[in-house]
Amino acid sequence: MIMAVLYNLVMSKATKTEHSGAKNGGGYWGPRAEAKKHSKKRRRRNDKLLSQLKKVRNQP
């Protein structure tokens, strides 16, 4: 009984693939604040273009 509990405990730890570190995409090597600034600008630009495209498609 104790061996089964220990085995399950060890195996549950051994198969864990996630980590507790930061999960921020990992593609940018500069400071986080700079990365966020660029990301926000790109997102806003994309949202603006998408909004304009939707307006054009909805016109009769």
C-alpha atoms as a PDB file:
ATOM      1  CA  MET A   1       0.000   0.000   0.000  1.00  0.00           C
ATOM      2  CA  ILE A   2       2.752   2.447   0.953  1.00  0.00           C
ATOM      3  CA  MET A   3       4.746   1.496  -2.133  1.00  0.00           C
ATOM      4  CA  ALA A   4       1.745   2.256  -4.372  1.00  0.00           C
ATOM      5  CA  VAL A   5       1.308   5.691  -2.779  1.00  0.00           C
ATOM      6  CA  LEU A   6       5.024   6.464  -3.147  1.00  0.00           C
ATOM      7  CA  TYR A   7       5.008   5.229  -6.749  1.00  0.00           C
ATOM      8  CA  ASN A   8       2.032   7.447  -7.631  1.00  0.00           C
ATOM      9  CA  LEU A   9       3.663  10.432  -5.926  1.00  0.00           C
ATOM     10  CA  VAL A  10       6.955   9.952  -7.771  1.00  0.00           C
ATOM     11  CA  MET A  11       5.312   9.332 -11.138  1.00  0.00           C
ATOM     12  CA  SER A  12       3.050  12.361 -10.847  1.00  0.00           C
ATOM     13  CA  LYS A  13       6.109  14.534 -10.299  1.00  0.00           C
ATOM     14  CA  ALA A  14       8.109  12.828 -13.041  1.00  0.00           C
ATOM     15  CA  THR A  15       5.528  13.338 -15.766  1.00  0.00           C
ATOM     16  CA  LYS A  16       4.852  16.993 -15.044  1.00  0.00           C
ATOM     17  CA  THR A  17       5.932  18.985 -18.101  1.00  0.00           C
ATOM     18  CA  GLU A  18       4.959  22.524 -17.105  1.00  0.00           C
ATOM     19  CA  HIS A  19       7.200  24.906 -15.219  1.00  0.00           C
ATOM     20  CA  SER A  20       6.458  27.725 -12.839  1.00  0.00           C
ATOM     21  CA  GLY A  21       8.493  30.360 -14.667  1.00  0.00           C
ATOM     22  CA  ALA A  22       7.214  33.323 -16.636  1.00  0.00           C
ATOM     23  CA  LYS A  23       5.144  32.448 -19.707  1.00  0.00           C
ATOM     24  CA  ASN A  24       5.354  35.632 -21.742  1.00  0.00           C
ATOM     25  CA  GLY A  25       5.888  34.244 -25.213  1.00  0.00           C
ATOM     26  CA  GLY A  26       9.668  34.092 -24.949  1.00  0.00           C
ATOM     27  CA  GLY A  27      10.359  35.721 -28.324  1.00  0.00           C
ATOM     28  CA  TYR A  28      11.660  39.092 -27.163  1.00  0.00           C
ATOM     29  CA  TRP A  29      15.098  39.544 -25.620  1.00  0.00           C
ATOM     30  CA  GLY A  30      14.826  43.181 -24.534  1.00  0.00           C
ATOM     31  CA  PRO A  31      13.270  44.648 -21.404  1.00  0.00           C
ATOM     32  CA  ARG A  32       9.695  43.604 -20.686  1.00  0.00           C
ATOM     33  CA  ALA A  33       8.352  47.182 -20.707  1.00  0.00           C
ATOM     34  CA  GLU A  34       9.780  47.756 -24.178  1.00  0.00           C
ATOM     35  CA  ALA A  35       8.340  44.493 -25.448  1.00  0.00           C
ATOM     36  CA  LYS A  36       4.912  45.377 -24.074  1.00  0.00           C
ATOM     37  CA  LYS A  37       5.052  48.807 -25.701  1.00  0.00           C
ATOM     38  CA  HIS A  38       5.735  47.323 -29.122  1.00  0.00           C
ATOM     39  CA  SER A  39       3.158  44.592 -28.620  1.00  0.00           C
ATOM     40  CA  LYS A  40       0.450  47.100 -27.686  1.00  0.00           C
ATOM     41  CA  LYS A  41       1.195  49.246 -30.723  1.00  0.00           C
ATOM     42  CA  ARG A  42       1.061  46.240 -33.038  1.00  0.00           C
ATOM     43  CA  ARG A  43      -2.207  45.016 -31.478  1.00  0.00           C
ATOM     44  CA  ARG A  44      -3.845  48.440 -31.776  1.00  0.00           C
ATOM     45  CA  ARG A  45      -2.732  48.783 -35.394  1.00  0.00           C
ATOM     46  CA  ASN A  46      -4.103  45.334 -36.247  1.00  0.00           C
ATOM     47  CA  ASP A  47      -7.394  46.047 -34.465  1.00  0.00           C
ATOM     48  CA  LYS A  48      -7.751  49.336 -36.332  1.00  0.00           C
ATOM     49  CA  LEU A  49      -7.185  47.661 -39.709  1.00  0.00           C
ATOM     50  CA  LEU A  50      -9.608  44.876 -38.851  1.00  0.00           C
ATOM     51  CA  SER A  51     -12.256  47.403 -37.836  1.00  0.00           C
ATOM     52  CA  GLN A  52     -11.811  49.321 -41.091  1.00  0.00           C
ATOM     53  CA  LEU A  53     -12.046  46.104 -43.093  1.00  0.00           C
ATOM     54  CA  LYS A  54     -15.299  45.154 -41.357  1.00  0.00           C
ATOM     55  CA  LYS A  55     -16.758  48.579 -42.142  1.00  0.00           C
ATOM     56  CA  VAL A  56     -15.846  48.233 -45.832  1.00  0.00           C
ATOM     57  CA  ARG A  57     -17.380  44.754 -46.046  1.00  0.00           C
ATOM     58  CA  ASN A  58     -20.635  45.885 -44.429  1.00  0.00           C
ATOM     59  CA  GLN A  59     -21.235  48.737 -46.867  1.00  0.00           C
ATOM     60  CA  PRO A  60     -23.966  48.068 -49.473  1.00  0.00           C
END
